PDB file of N, CA and C in Angstrom:
ATOM      1  N   MET A   1     108.168  76.711  95.047  1.00  0.00           N
ATOM      2  CA  MET A   1     108.021  77.391  94.075  1.00  0.00           C
ATOM      3  C   MET A   1     108.117  79.115  94.520  1.00  0.00           C
ATOM      4  N   ALA A   2     108.628  79.374  95.964  1.00  0.00           N
ATOM      5  CA  ALA A   2     108.562  80.651  96.140  1.00  0.00           C
ATOM      6  C   ALA A   2     109.355  81.671  95.579  1.00  0.00           C
ATOM      7  N   LEU A   3     109.027  83.145  95.421  1.00  0.00           N
ATOM      8  CA  LEU A   3     109.666  83.924  94.903  1.00  0.00           C
ATOM      9  C   LEU A   3     110.981  84.374  95.423  1.00  0.00           C
ATOM     10  N   SER A   4     111.407  84.692  94.449  1.00  0.00           N
ATOM     11  CA  SER A   4     112.887  85.270  94.941  1.00  0.00           C
ATOM     12  C   SER A   4     112.929  86.273  95.457  1.00  0.00           C
ATOM     13  N   ARG A   5     114.021  86.723  96.017  1.00  0.00           N
ATOM     14  CA  ARG A   5     114.024  87.679  96.937  1.00  0.00           C
ATOM     15  C   ARG A   5     113.828  89.305  96.190  1.00  0.00           C
ATOM     16  N   THR A   6     114.732  88.761  94.614  1.00  0.00           N
ATOM     17  CA  THR A   6     114.932  90.442  94.128  1.00  0.00           C
ATOM     18  C   THR A   6     113.276  90.764  93.368  1.00  0.00           C
ATOM     19  N   THR A   7     112.601  89.145  92.970  1.00  0.00           N
ATOM     20  CA  THR A   7     111.418  89.031  92.109  1.00  0.00           C
ATOM     21  C   THR A   7     110.308  90.142  93.015  1.00  0.00           C
ATOM     22  N   LYS A   8     110.054  89.514  94.532  1.00  0.00           N
ATOM     23  CA  LYS A   8     109.412  89.874  95.180  1.00  0.00           C
ATOM     24  C   LYS A   8     110.017  91.521  95.489  1.00  0.00           C
ATOM     25  N   ALA A   9     111.285  91.826  95.805  1.00  0.00           N
ATOM     26  CA  ALA A   9     111.234  93.612  95.891  1.00  0.00           C
ATOM     27  C   ALA A   9     110.917  94.257  94.982  1.00  0.00           C
ATOM     28  N   GLN A  10     111.019  93.663  93.216  1.00  0.00           N
ATOM     29  CA  GLN A  10     110.742  94.425  91.970  1.00  0.00           C
ATOM     30  C   GLN A  10     109.095  94.552  91.886  1.00  0.00           C
ATOM     31  N   ILE A  11     108.183  93.513  92.596  1.00  0.00           N
ATOM     32  CA  ILE A  11     106.738  93.629  92.309  1.00  0.00           C
ATOM     33  C   ILE A  11     106.503  94.388  93.556  1.00  0.00           C
ATOM     34  N   VAL A  12     107.380  94.134  94.669  1.00  0.00           N
ATOM     35  CA  VAL A  12     107.002  95.565  95.873  1.00  0.00           C
ATOM     36  C   VAL A  12     107.181  96.710  95.154  1.00  0.00           C
ATOM     37  N   LYS A  13     108.497  97.096  94.658  1.00  0.00           N
ATOM     38  CA  LYS A  13     108.409  98.240  94.357  1.00  0.00           C
ATOM     39  C   LYS A  13     107.384  99.011  93.475  1.00  0.00           C
ATOM     40  N   THR A  14     106.993  98.146  92.171  1.00  0.00           N
ATOM     41  CA  THR A  14     106.486  98.512  91.395  1.00  0.00           C
ATOM     42  C   THR A  14     104.836  98.854  91.862  1.00  0.00           C
ATOM     43  N   TYR A  15     104.340  98.406  92.614  1.00  0.00           N
ATOM     44  CA  TYR A  15     102.932  98.213  92.860  1.00  0.00           C
ATOM     45  C   TYR A  15     102.752  99.007  94.613  1.00  0.00           C
ATOM     46  N   ARG A  16     103.590  99.114  95.155  1.00  0.00           N
ATOM     47  CA  ARG A  16     103.064  99.697  96.152  1.00  0.00           C
ATOM     48  C   ARG A  16     102.590 101.467  96.578  1.00  0.00           C
ATOM     49  N   THR A  17     102.282 101.396  97.434  1.00  0.00           N
ATOM     50  CA  THR A  17     101.136 102.816  97.502  1.00  0.00           C
ATOM     51  C   THR A  17     102.395 104.704  98.158  1.00  0.00           C
ATOM     52  N   SER A  18     102.885 103.680  98.580  1.00  0.00           N
ATOM     53  CA  SER A  18     103.952 104.758  99.278  1.00  0.00           C
ATOM     54  C   SER A  18     105.161 104.335  99.569  1.00  0.00           C
ATOM     55  N   LYS A  19     106.077 105.034  99.816  1.00  0.00           N
ATOM     56  CA  LYS A  19     107.650 104.592  99.713  1.00  0.00           C
ATOM     57  C   LYS A  19     107.554 103.497 100.897  1.00  0.00           C
ATOM     58  N   ASN A  20     107.197 103.197 102.057  1.00  0.00           N
ATOM     59  CA  ASN A  20     107.040 102.427 102.853  1.00  0.00           C
ATOM     60  C   ASN A  20     106.852 101.764 102.927  1.00  0.00           C
ATOM     61  N   ASP A  21     105.575 101.455 101.955  1.00  0.00           N
ATOM     62  CA  ASP A  21     104.700 100.213 101.413  1.00  0.00           C
ATOM     63  C   ASP A  21     104.904  99.069 101.245  1.00  0.00           C
ATOM     64  N   THR A  22     104.698  97.489 102.216  1.00  0.00           N
ATOM     65  CA  THR A  22     105.140  96.707 101.332  1.00  0.00           C
ATOM     66  C   THR A  22     103.784  95.663 101.820  1.00  0.00           C
ATOM     67  N   GLY A  23     102.597  95.949 102.226  1.00  0.00           N
ATOM     68  CA  GLY A  23     101.510  95.055 102.432  1.00  0.00           C
ATOM     69  C   GLY A  23     100.422  95.404 102.211  1.00  0.00           C
ATOM     70  N   SER A  24     100.006  96.592 101.420  1.00  0.00           N
ATOM     71  CA  SER A  24      99.208  96.878 101.086  1.00  0.00           C
ATOM     72  C   SER A  24      98.173  96.026 100.270  1.00  0.00           C
ATOM     73  N   SER A  25      96.766  96.105  99.511  1.00  0.00           N
ATOM     74  CA  SER A  25      96.146  94.954  99.064  1.00  0.00           C
ATOM     75  C   SER A  25      96.698  95.129  97.781  1.00  0.00           C
ATOM     76  N   GLU A  26      97.180  96.428  97.320  1.00  0.00           N
ATOM     77  CA  GLU A  26      97.585  96.145  95.980  1.00  0.00           C
ATOM     78  C   GLU A  26      99.041  94.930  95.941  1.00  0.00           C
ATOM     79  N   VAL A  27     100.163  95.081  96.614  1.00  0.00           N
ATOM     80  CA  VAL A  27     101.440  94.605  96.600  1.00  0.00           C
ATOM     81  C   VAL A  27     100.838  92.962  96.939  1.00  0.00           C
ATOM     82  N   GLN A  28      99.690  92.661  97.951  1.00  0.00           N
ATOM     83  CA  GLN A  28      99.902  91.329  97.978  1.00  0.00           C
ATOM     84  C   GLN A  28      99.056  91.040  96.758  1.00  0.00           C
ATOM     85  N   ILE A  29      98.395  91.598  96.445  1.00  0.00           N
ATOM     86  CA  ILE A  29      97.368  91.080  94.969  1.00  0.00           C
ATOM     87  C   ILE A  29      98.453  90.704  93.679  1.00  0.00           C
ATOM     88  N   ALA A  30      99.551  91.615  93.781  1.00  0.00           N
ATOM     89  CA  ALA A  30     100.730  91.811  92.637  1.00  0.00           C
ATOM     90  C   ALA A  30     101.268  90.435  92.991  1.00  0.00           C
ATOM     91  N   LEU A  31     101.741  89.934  94.148  1.00  0.00           N
ATOM     92  CA  LEU A  31     102.453  88.718  94.430  1.00  0.00           C
ATOM     93  C   LEU A  31     101.911  87.391  94.227  1.00  0.00           C
ATOM     94  N   LEU A  32     100.407  87.811  94.964  1.00  0.00           N
ATOM     95  CA  LEU A  32      99.330  86.251  94.739  1.00  0.00           C
ATOM     96  C   LEU A  32      99.825  85.781  92.972  1.00  0.00           C
ATOM     97  N   THR A  33      99.392  86.865  92.229  1.00  0.00           N
ATOM     98  CA  THR A  33      99.198  86.854  90.777  1.00  0.00           C
ATOM     99  C   THR A  33     100.682  86.252  90.738  1.00  0.00           C
ATOM    100  N   THR A  34     101.742  86.658  91.017  1.00  0.00           N
ATOM    101  CA  THR A  34     103.277  85.937  90.381  1.00  0.00           C
ATOM    102  C   THR A  34     103.091  84.800  90.456  1.00  0.00           C
ATOM    103  N   ARG A  35     102.634  84.041  92.028  1.00  0.00           N
ATOM    104  CA  ARG A  35     102.912  82.882  92.082  1.00  0.00           C
ATOM    105  C   ARG A  35     102.076  82.153  92.074  1.00  0.00           C
ATOM    106  N   ILE A  36     100.470  82.644  91.316  1.00  0.00           N
ATOM    107  CA  ILE A  36      99.740  81.851  90.357  1.00  0.00           C
ATOM    108  C   ILE A  36      99.820  81.700  89.212  1.00  0.00           C
ATOM    109  N   ASN A  37     100.899  82.785  88.750  1.00  0.00           N
ATOM    110  CA  ASN A  37     100.883  82.161  87.559  1.00  0.00           C
ATOM    111  C   ASN A  37     101.877  81.065  87.383  1.00  0.00           C
ATOM    112  N   ALA A  38     103.004  81.291  88.332  1.00  0.00           N
ATOM    113  CA  ALA A  38     103.998  80.300  88.448  1.00  0.00           C
ATOM    114  C   ALA A  38     103.591  78.976  88.821  1.00  0.00           C
ATOM    115  N   LEU A  39     102.889  78.694  89.199  1.00  0.00           N
ATOM    116  CA  LEU A  39     101.974  77.267  89.431  1.00  0.00           C
ATOM    117  C   LEU A  39     100.787  77.249  88.653  1.00  0.00           C
ATOM    118  N   THR A  40     100.522  78.100  88.041  1.00  0.00           N
ATOM    119  CA  THR A  40      99.775  77.428  86.797  1.00  0.00           C
ATOM    120  C   THR A  40     100.684  76.295  85.640  1.00  0.00           C
ATOM    121  N   GLU A  41     101.875  77.553  85.291  1.00  0.00           N
ATOM    122  CA  GLU A  41     102.704  76.686  84.429  1.00  0.00           C
ATOM    123  C   GLU A  41     103.368  75.270  84.997  1.00  0.00           C
ATOM    124  N   HIS A  42     103.510  75.561  86.166  1.00  0.00           N
ATOM    125  CA  HIS A  42     103.939  73.857  87.090  1.00  0.00           C
ATOM    126  C   HIS A  42     102.865  73.198  86.426  1.00  0.00           C
ATOM    127  N   LEU A  43     101.410  73.200  86.802  1.00  0.00           N
ATOM    128  CA  LEU A  43     100.257  72.367  86.425  1.00  0.00           C
ATOM    129  C   LEU A  43     100.373  71.934  85.124  1.00  0.00           C
ATOM    130  N   LYS A  44     100.748  72.694  84.180  1.00  0.00           N
ATOM    131  CA  LYS A  44     100.131  72.630  82.671  1.00  0.00           C
ATOM    132  C   LYS A  44     101.450  71.325  82.357  1.00  0.00           C
ATOM    133  N   VAL A  45     101.923  70.971  83.397  1.00  0.00           N
ATOM    134  CA  VAL A  45     103.526  70.254  83.009  1.00  0.00           C
ATOM    135  C   VAL A  45     103.107  68.211  83.984  1.00  0.00           C
ATOM    136  N   HIS A  46     102.636  69.149  85.510  1.00  0.00           N
ATOM    137  CA  HIS A  46     103.133  67.874  86.628  1.00  0.00           C
ATOM    138  C   HIS A  46     101.024  68.203  86.658  1.00  0.00           C
ATOM    139  N   LYS A  47     100.076  66.976  85.568  1.00  0.00           N
ATOM    140  CA  LYS A  47      98.948  67.562  85.905  1.00  0.00           C
ATOM    141  C   LYS A  47      98.653  66.635  86.845  1.00  0.00           C
ATOM    142  N   HIS A  48      99.289  66.103  87.894  1.00  0.00           N
ATOM    143  CA  HIS A  48      98.580  65.026  88.906  1.00  0.00           C
ATOM    144  C   HIS A  48      99.326  65.517  90.119  1.00  0.00           C
ATOM    145  N   ASP A  49      99.657  66.772  90.244  1.00  0.00           N
ATOM    146  CA  ASP A  49     100.279  67.208  91.526  1.00  0.00           C
ATOM    147  C   ASP A  49      99.320  68.021  91.648  1.00  0.00           C
ATOM    148  N   VAL A  50      98.426  67.323  93.027  1.00  0.00           N
ATOM    149  CA  VAL A  50      97.340  67.524  93.561  1.00  0.00           C
ATOM    150  C   VAL A  50      97.452  68.433  94.575  1.00  0.00           C
ATOM    151  N   HIS A  51      98.490  68.184  95.173  1.00  0.00           N
ATOM    152  CA  HIS A  51      98.517  69.167  96.655  1.00  0.00           C
ATOM    153  C   HIS A  51      99.431  70.551  96.317  1.00  0.00           C
ATOM    154  N   THR A  52      99.658  70.772  95.232  1.00  0.00           N
ATOM    155  CA  THR A  52      99.919  71.847  94.491  1.00  0.00           C
ATOM    156  C   THR A  52      98.568  72.508  93.846  1.00  0.00           C
ATOM    157  N   ARG A  53      98.058  72.146  92.880  1.00  0.00           N
ATOM    158  CA  ARG A  53      96.178  72.314  93.040  1.00  0.00           C
ATOM    159  C   ARG A  53      95.934  72.967  94.025  1.00  0.00           C
ATOM    160  N   TYR A  54      96.054  72.046  95.040  1.00  0.00           N
ATOM    161  CA  TYR A  54      95.308  72.352  96.623  1.00  0.00           C
ATOM    162  C   TYR A  54      95.473  74.203  96.625  1.00  0.00           C
ATOM    163  N   GLY A  55      96.855  74.185  96.732  1.00  0.00           N
ATOM    164  CA  GLY A  55      97.488  75.140  97.380  1.00  0.00           C
ATOM    165  C   GLY A  55      97.503  76.819  96.716  1.00  0.00           C
ATOM    166  N   LEU A  56      97.107  75.914  95.520  1.00  0.00           N
ATOM    167  CA  LEU A  56      96.870  77.152  94.490  1.00  0.00           C
ATOM    168  C   LEU A  56      95.484  77.385  94.436  1.00  0.00           C
ATOM    169  N   THR A  57      94.586  76.541  94.677  1.00  0.00           N
ATOM    170  CA  THR A  57      93.012  77.080  95.072  1.00  0.00           C
ATOM    171  C   THR A  57      92.753  77.757  96.001  1.00  0.00           C
ATOM    172  N   LYS A  58      94.007  77.725  96.763  1.00  0.00           N
ATOM    173  CA  LYS A  58      93.854  78.637  98.005  1.00  0.00           C
ATOM    174  C   LYS A  58      94.481  79.949  97.897  1.00  0.00           C
ATOM    175  N   MET A  59      95.524  80.077  97.113  1.00  0.00           N
ATOM    176  CA  MET A  59      95.693  81.212  96.824  1.00  0.00           C
ATOM    177  C   MET A  59      94.631  82.354  96.210  1.00  0.00           C
ATOM    178  N   VAL A  60      94.339  81.418  95.058  1.00  0.00           N
ATOM    179  CA  VAL A  60      93.159  82.248  94.251  1.00  0.00           C
ATOM    180  C   VAL A  60      92.060  82.361  95.235  1.00  0.00           C
ATOM    181  N   SER A  61      91.867  82.111  96.080  1.00  0.00           N
ATOM    182  CA  SER A  61      90.755  82.315  96.947  1.00  0.00           C
ATOM    183  C   SER A  61      91.151  83.653  97.630  1.00  0.00           C
ATOM    184  N   LYS A  62      91.975  83.421  97.629  1.00  0.00           N
ATOM    185  CA  LYS A  62      92.531  85.057  99.246  1.00  0.00           C
ATOM    186  C   LYS A  62      92.971  86.209  97.724  1.00  0.00           C
ATOM    187  N   ARG A  63      93.418  85.796  96.620  1.00  0.00           N
ATOM    188  CA  ARG A  63      93.413  87.068  95.825  1.00  0.00           C
ATOM    189  C   ARG A  63      91.939  87.349  95.420  1.00  0.00           C
ATOM    190  N   ARG A  64      91.352  86.650  95.424  1.00  0.00           N
ATOM    191  CA  ARG A  64      89.964  86.609  94.771  1.00  0.00           C
ATOM    192  C   ARG A  64      89.035  87.965  96.389  1.00  0.00           C
ATOM    193  N   LYS A  65      89.462  87.336  97.738  1.00  0.00           N
ATOM    194  CA  LYS A  65      89.096  88.233  98.845  1.00  0.00           C
ATOM    195  C   LYS A  65      89.662  90.282  98.774  1.00  0.00           C
ATOM    196  N   LEU A  66      90.662  89.839  98.901  1.00  0.00           N
ATOM    197  CA  LEU A  66      91.586  90.675  98.749  1.00  0.00           C
ATOM    198  C   LEU A  66      91.352  92.024  97.232  1.00  0.00           C
ATOM    199  N   MET A  67      90.854  91.317  96.099  1.00  0.00           N
ATOM    200  CA  MET A  67      90.632  92.197  94.912  1.00  0.00           C
ATOM    201  C   MET A  67      88.831  92.708  95.579  1.00  0.00           C
ATOM    202  N   ARG A  68      88.310  91.837  96.134  1.00  0.00           N
ATOM    203  CA  ARG A  68      86.966  92.123  96.578  1.00  0.00           C
ATOM    204  C   ARG A  68      87.230  93.711  97.435  1.00  0.00           C
ATOM    205  N   TYR A  69      87.949  93.183  98.431  1.00  0.00           N
ATOM    206  CA  TYR A  69      88.054  94.639  99.229  1.00  0.00           C
ATOM    207  C   TYR A  69      88.434  95.484  98.557  1.00  0.00           C
ATOM    208  N   LEU A  70      89.657  95.260  97.704  1.00  0.00           N
ATOM    209  CA  LEU A  70      90.369  96.879  96.908  1.00  0.00           C
ATOM    210  C   LEU A  70      88.918  97.126  95.986  1.00  0.00           C
ATOM    211  N   LYS A  71      88.294  96.644  95.335  1.00  0.00           N
ATOM    212  CA  LYS A  71      86.974  97.287  94.807  1.00  0.00           C
ATOM    213  C   LYS A  71      86.515  97.828  95.514  1.00  0.00           C
ATOM    214  N   ASN A  72      85.864  97.732  96.651  1.00  0.00           N
ATOM    215  CA  ASN A  72      84.702  98.324  97.703  1.00  0.00           C
ATOM    216  C   ASN A  72      85.941  99.500  98.497  1.00  0.00           C
ATOM    217  N   HIS A  73      86.666  99.380  98.701  1.00  0.00           N
ATOM    218  CA  HIS A  73      87.456 100.422  99.219  1.00  0.00           C
ATOM    219  C   HIS A  73      88.000 101.309  97.831  1.00  0.00           C
ATOM    220  N   ASN A  74      88.369 101.318  96.959  1.00  0.00           N
ATOM    221  CA  ASN A  74      89.445 102.339  96.220  1.00  0.00           C
ATOM    222  C   ASN A  74      89.340 101.862  94.499  1.00  0.00           C
ATOM    223  N   LEU A  75      88.001 102.179  94.512  1.00  0.00           N
ATOM    224  CA  LEU A  75      87.952 101.722  93.046  1.00  0.00           C
ATOM    225  C   LEU A  75      88.730 102.045  91.768  1.00  0.00           C
ATOM    226  N   ASP A  76      89.355 102.920  91.819  1.00  0.00           N
ATOM    227  CA  ASP A  76      90.013 103.205  90.885  1.00  0.00           C
ATOM    228  C   ASP A  76      91.785 103.113  90.849  1.00  0.00           C
ATOM    229  N   SER A  77      91.949 102.451  92.464  1.00  0.00           N
ATOM    230  CA  SER A  77      93.422 101.621  92.296  1.00  0.00           C
ATOM    231  C   SER A  77      92.749 100.180  91.711  1.00  0.00           C
ATOM    232  N   TYR A  78      91.581  99.969  92.107  1.00  0.00           N
ATOM    233  CA  TYR A  78      91.731  98.196  91.577  1.00  0.00           C
ATOM    234  C   TYR A  78      91.345  98.461  90.314  1.00  0.00           C
ATOM    235  N   LYS A  79      90.805  98.853  89.814  1.00  0.00           N
ATOM    236  CA  LYS A  79      91.189  98.912  87.817  1.00  0.00           C
ATOM    237  C   LYS A  79      92.036  99.367  87.091  1.00  0.00           C
ATOM    238  N   ASN A  80      93.283  99.816  87.865  1.00  0.00           N
ATOM    239  CA  ASN A  80      94.656 100.546  87.571  1.00  0.00           C
ATOM    240  C   ASN A  80      95.267  98.951  88.053  1.00  0.00           C
ATOM    241  N   LEU A  81      94.852  98.221  88.876  1.00  0.00           N
ATOM    242  CA  LEU A  81      95.197  96.696  88.984  1.00  0.00           C
ATOM    243  C   LEU A  81      95.041  95.981  88.440  1.00  0.00           C
ATOM    244  N   ILE A  82      93.761  95.306  87.994  1.00  0.00           N
ATOM    245  CA  ILE A  82      92.954  94.519  86.800  1.00  0.00           C
ATOM    246  C   ILE A  82      94.235  94.833  85.616  1.00  0.00           C
ATOM    247  N   LYS A  83      94.091  96.130  85.429  1.00  0.00           N
ATOM    248  CA  LYS A  83      94.725  96.542  83.859  1.00  0.00           C
ATOM    249  C   LYS A  83      96.080  95.731  83.825  1.00  0.00           C
ATOM    250  N   ALA A  84      96.799  96.099  84.654  1.00  0.00           N
ATOM    251  CA  ALA A  84      98.233  95.836  84.730  1.00  0.00           C
ATOM    252  C   ALA A  84      98.372  94.844  85.087  1.00  0.00           C
ATOM    253  N   LEU A  85      97.594  93.978  85.957  1.00  0.00           N
ATOM    254  CA  LEU A  85      98.218  92.597  85.986  1.00  0.00           C
ATOM    255  C   LEU A  85      97.611  91.697  84.852  1.00  0.00           C
ATOM    256  N   ASP A  86      96.691  92.345  84.166  1.00  0.00           N
ATOM    257  CA  ASP A  86      95.834  91.452  83.161  1.00  0.00           C
ATOM    258  C   ASP A  86      95.304  90.354  83.992  1.00  0.00           C
ATOM    259  N   VAL A  87      94.426  90.293  84.797  1.00  0.00           N
ATOM    260  CA  VAL A  87      93.645  89.839  85.369  1.00  0.00           C
ATOM    261  C   VAL A  87      92.229  90.001  85.289  1.00  0.00           C
ATOM    262  N   ARG A  88      91.372  89.070  85.075  1.00  0.00           N
ATOM    263  CA  ARG A  88      89.885  89.353  84.897  1.00  0.00           C
ATOM    264  C   ARG A  88      89.344  89.743  86.544  1.00  0.00           C
ATOM    265  N   GLY A  89      88.587  90.929  86.271  1.00  0.00           N
ATOM    266  CA  GLY A  89      88.031  91.639  87.630  1.00  0.00           C
ATOM    267  C   GLY A  89      86.770  91.256  88.047  1.00  0.00           C
TER     268      GLY A  89
END
C-alpha cells in the first residue's frame, strides 16, 4: 500500500513549509494521513487482515505523536493542517 512517487511528490509540494522541505512535521502528517485513509478503505473490504490492522494502528500512533509535537511548537500550523486534512485534533 505504498504511495506512488507522483502522489507523494504532490503531497510534499502541497504541505511543505519551504522550497527544499521534505521532512517537516506537516509533510509527515499529510503523508501518514494519506496512507491511513488508504488502509482504512482496504480494511473495510478485508476485515480479517490482522497484519494490516497492526500497521495501521502504528501509523495512527505515529501521526498522533507528530500532531502533538506540532500543536506544542506551532499552533497556527497545527490548526491549518487539521482543517486542510479534515482530521480530528
